[in-house]
Amino acid sequence: MTYYCNDCNEFFSDEDAASRPAVLEDGKPPWATVMLCPYCGSEDYDEASYCERCGEPIPPDEHLCDVCEGDLYGIVQGAIESFRGDVYDAKDKFFDYLERKWF
């Protein structure tokens, strides 16, 4: 499993994670361990999400990685420019096209 550290913004796996013995405040048995970010030692991490386009790990609750988002931005920017920079005209034409050809 891949995790995302909310403090240092790094990704890490179960195998790479650091750990420390549990203490009373952790609410775990004394023989348990607490997983930590291997980069900064933080306990503030979440399970990573994955890019819907390429599958790379990304921060939780996001949909695209920076590379794929940049690609999408370029596609949208090109579409808008082809309609003389009119965002609303480009949006209307694009949705009209989708409705006619894809739905």
C-alpha atoms as a PDB file:
ATOM      1  CA  MET A   1       0.000   0.000   0.000  1.00  0.00           C
ATOM      2  CA  THR A   2       1.166   3.540  -0.730  1.00  0.00           C
ATOM      3  CA  TYR A   3       0.784   6.399   1.741  1.00  0.00           C
ATOM      4  CA  TYR A   4       0.980  10.180   1.445  1.00  0.00           C
ATOM      5  CA  CYS A   5       2.578  12.203   4.254  1.00  0.00           C
ATOM      6  CA  ASN A   6       0.541  15.321   5.024  1.00  0.00           C
ATOM      7  CA  ASP A   7       3.557  17.046   6.598  1.00  0.00           C
ATOM      8  CA  CYS A   8       6.333  16.616   4.013  1.00  0.00           C
ATOM      9  CA  ASN A   9       4.174  15.689   0.956  1.00  0.00           C
ATOM     10  CA  GLU A  10       6.188  12.533   0.211  1.00  0.00           C
ATOM     11  CA  PHE A  11       4.876   9.090  -0.773  1.00  0.00           C
ATOM     12  CA  PHE A  12       6.010   5.897   0.931  1.00  0.00           C
ATOM     13  CA  SER A  13       5.062   2.231   1.129  1.00  0.00           C
ATOM     14  CA  ASP A  14       4.525  -0.148   4.041  1.00  0.00           C
ATOM     15  CA  GLU A  15       7.975  -1.590   3.435  1.00  0.00           C
ATOM     16  CA  ASP A  16       9.678   1.812   3.525  1.00  0.00           C
ATOM     17  CA  ALA A  17       7.798   3.172   6.554  1.00  0.00           C
ATOM     18  CA  ALA A  18       9.626   3.905   9.790  1.00  0.00           C
ATOM     19  CA  SER A  19       8.130   2.874  13.122  1.00  0.00           C
ATOM     20  CA  ARG A  20       8.402   3.421  16.844  1.00  0.00           C
ATOM     21  CA  PRO A  21       7.131   1.455  19.849  1.00  0.00           C
ATOM     22  CA  ALA A  22       3.618   2.382  20.946  1.00  0.00           C
ATOM     23  CA  VAL A  23       3.142   4.469  24.091  1.00  0.00           C
ATOM     24  CA  LEU A  24       0.088   4.771  26.332  1.00  0.00           C
ATOM     25  CA  GLU A  25      -1.181   7.875  24.482  1.00  0.00           C
ATOM     26  CA  ASP A  26      -1.376   5.903  21.216  1.00  0.00           C
ATOM     27  CA  GLY A  27      -4.195   3.735  22.556  1.00  0.00           C
ATOM     28  CA  LYS A  28      -2.450   0.586  21.317  1.00  0.00           C
ATOM     29  CA  PRO A  29      -1.066  -2.396  23.193  1.00  0.00           C
ATOM     30  CA  PRO A  30       2.483  -1.813  24.500  1.00  0.00           C
ATOM     31  CA  TRP A  31       3.945  -4.450  22.163  1.00  0.00           C
ATOM     32  CA  ALA A  32       2.504  -2.721  19.051  1.00  0.00           C
ATOM     33  CA  THR A  33       4.356  -0.285  16.827  1.00  0.00           C
ATOM     34  CA  VAL A  34       3.269   3.007  15.293  1.00  0.00           C
ATOM     35  CA  MET A  35       4.022   3.582  11.616  1.00  0.00           C
ATOM     36  CA  LEU A  36       5.834   6.822  10.732  1.00  0.00           C
ATOM     37  CA  CYS A  37       6.780   8.633   7.550  1.00  0.00           C
ATOM     38  CA  PRO A  38      10.348   7.542   6.704  1.00  0.00           C
ATOM     39  CA  TYR A  39      11.216  11.036   5.444  1.00  0.00           C
ATOM     40  CA  CYS A  40      10.105  13.298   8.298  1.00  0.00           C
ATOM     41  CA  GLY A  41       8.954  10.932  11.077  1.00  0.00           C
ATOM     42  CA  SER A  42       5.387  12.250  11.037  1.00  0.00           C
ATOM     43  CA  GLU A  43       2.387  10.184  12.081  1.00  0.00           C
ATOM     44  CA  ASP A  44       0.117  12.367   9.898  1.00  0.00           C
ATOM     45  CA  TYR A  45      -0.318  10.346   6.712  1.00  0.00           C
ATOM     46  CA  ASP A  46      -3.193   8.988   4.631  1.00  0.00           C
ATOM     47  CA  GLU A  47      -3.583   6.294   2.045  1.00  0.00           C
ATOM     48  CA  ALA A  48      -2.606   7.748  -1.337  1.00  0.00           C
ATOM     49  CA  SER A  49      -5.005   8.058  -4.241  1.00  0.00           C
ATOM     50  CA  TYR A  50      -3.971   7.131  -7.779  1.00  0.00           C
ATOM     51  CA  CYS A  51      -4.068   9.214 -10.951  1.00  0.00           C
ATOM     52  CA  GLU A  52      -7.140   8.282 -12.972  1.00  0.00           C
ATOM     53  CA  ARG A  53      -5.152   8.598 -16.194  1.00  0.00           C
ATOM     54  CA  CYS A  54      -1.724   7.075 -15.562  1.00  0.00           C
ATOM     55  CA  GLY A  55      -2.031   5.309 -12.188  1.00  0.00           C
ATOM     56  CA  GLU A  56       0.758   7.191 -10.382  1.00  0.00           C
ATOM     57  CA  PRO A  57       0.242   7.812  -6.656  1.00  0.00           C
ATOM     58  CA  ILE A  58      -1.195  11.250  -5.852  1.00  0.00           C
ATOM     59  CA  PRO A  59      -2.382  13.017  -2.693  1.00  0.00           C
ATOM     60  CA  PRO A  60      -5.716  11.804  -1.291  1.00  0.00           C
ATOM     61  CA  ASP A  61      -8.892  13.232  -2.831  1.00  0.00           C
ATOM     62  CA  GLU A  62      -7.149  14.349  -6.024  1.00  0.00           C
ATOM     63  CA  HIS A  63      -7.866  12.860  -9.444  1.00  0.00           C
ATOM     64  CA  LEU A  64      -4.861  13.584 -11.667  1.00  0.00           C
ATOM     65  CA  CYS A  65      -1.109  13.807 -11.155  1.00  0.00           C
ATOM     66  CA  ASP A  66       0.694  17.031 -12.079  1.00  0.00           C
ATOM     67  CA  VAL A  67       1.851  15.657 -15.446  1.00  0.00           C
ATOM     68  CA  CYS A  68      -1.610  14.480 -16.517  1.00  0.00           C
ATOM     69  CA  GLU A  69      -3.205  17.682 -15.247  1.00  0.00           C
ATOM     70  CA  GLY A  70      -0.701  19.652 -17.327  1.00  0.00           C
ATOM     71  CA  ASP A  71      -1.582  17.554 -20.384  1.00  0.00           C
ATOM     72  CA  LEU A  72      -5.291  18.184 -19.827  1.00  0.00           C
ATOM     73  CA  TYR A  73      -4.654  21.902 -19.342  1.00  0.00           C
ATOM     74  CA  GLY A  74      -2.844  22.012 -22.694  1.00  0.00           C
ATOM     75  CA  ILE A  75      -5.725  20.243 -24.446  1.00  0.00           C
ATOM     76  CA  VAL A  76      -8.305  22.590 -22.943  1.00  0.00           C
ATOM     77  CA  GLN A  77      -6.159  25.662 -23.649  1.00  0.00           C
ATOM     78  CA  GLY A  78      -5.812  24.575 -27.289  1.00  0.00           C
ATOM     79  CA  ALA A  79      -9.584  24.087 -27.609  1.00  0.00           C
ATOM     80  CA  ILE A  80     -10.273  27.522 -26.134  1.00  0.00           C
ATOM     81  CA  GLU A  81      -7.726  29.185 -28.435  1.00  0.00           C
ATOM     82  CA  SER A  82      -9.337  27.527 -31.465  1.00  0.00           C
ATOM     83  CA  PHE A  83     -12.533  29.440 -30.631  1.00  0.00           C
ATOM     84  CA  ARG A  84     -10.704  32.808 -30.511  1.00  0.00           C
ATOM     85  CA  GLY A  85     -10.170  32.541 -26.747  1.00  0.00           C
ATOM     86  CA  ASP A  86     -13.886  32.570 -25.910  1.00  0.00           C
ATOM     87  CA  VAL A  87     -14.161  30.111 -23.012  1.00  0.00           C
ATOM     88  CA  TYR A  88     -17.941  29.994 -23.064  1.00  0.00           C
ATOM     89  CA  ASP A  89     -18.144  29.435 -26.808  1.00  0.00           C
ATOM     90  CA  ALA A  90     -15.530  26.672 -26.581  1.00  0.00           C
ATOM     91  CA  LYS A  91     -17.440  25.038 -23.708  1.00  0.00           C
ATOM     92  CA  ASP A  92     -20.745  25.150 -25.595  1.00  0.00           C
ATOM     93  CA  LYS A  93     -19.208  23.743 -28.783  1.00  0.00           C
ATOM     94  CA  PHE A  94     -17.357  21.026 -26.901  1.00  0.00           C
ATOM     95  CA  PHE A  95     -20.434  19.864 -24.967  1.00  0.00           C
ATOM     96  CA  ASP A  96     -22.514  19.997 -28.137  1.00  0.00           C
ATOM     97  CA  TYR A  97     -19.911  17.821 -29.872  1.00  0.00           C
ATOM     98  CA  LEU A  98     -19.851  15.345 -26.981  1.00  0.00           C
ATOM     99  CA  GLU A  99     -23.629  15.095 -26.960  1.00  0.00           C
ATOM    100  CA  ARG A 100     -23.828  14.477 -30.715  1.00  0.00           C
ATOM    101  CA  LYS A 101     -20.900  12.060 -31.055  1.00  0.00           C
ATOM    102  CA  TRP A 102     -20.582  10.269 -27.721  1.00  0.00           C
ATOM    103  CA  PHE A 103     -24.003  10.095 -26.090  1.00  0.00           C
END
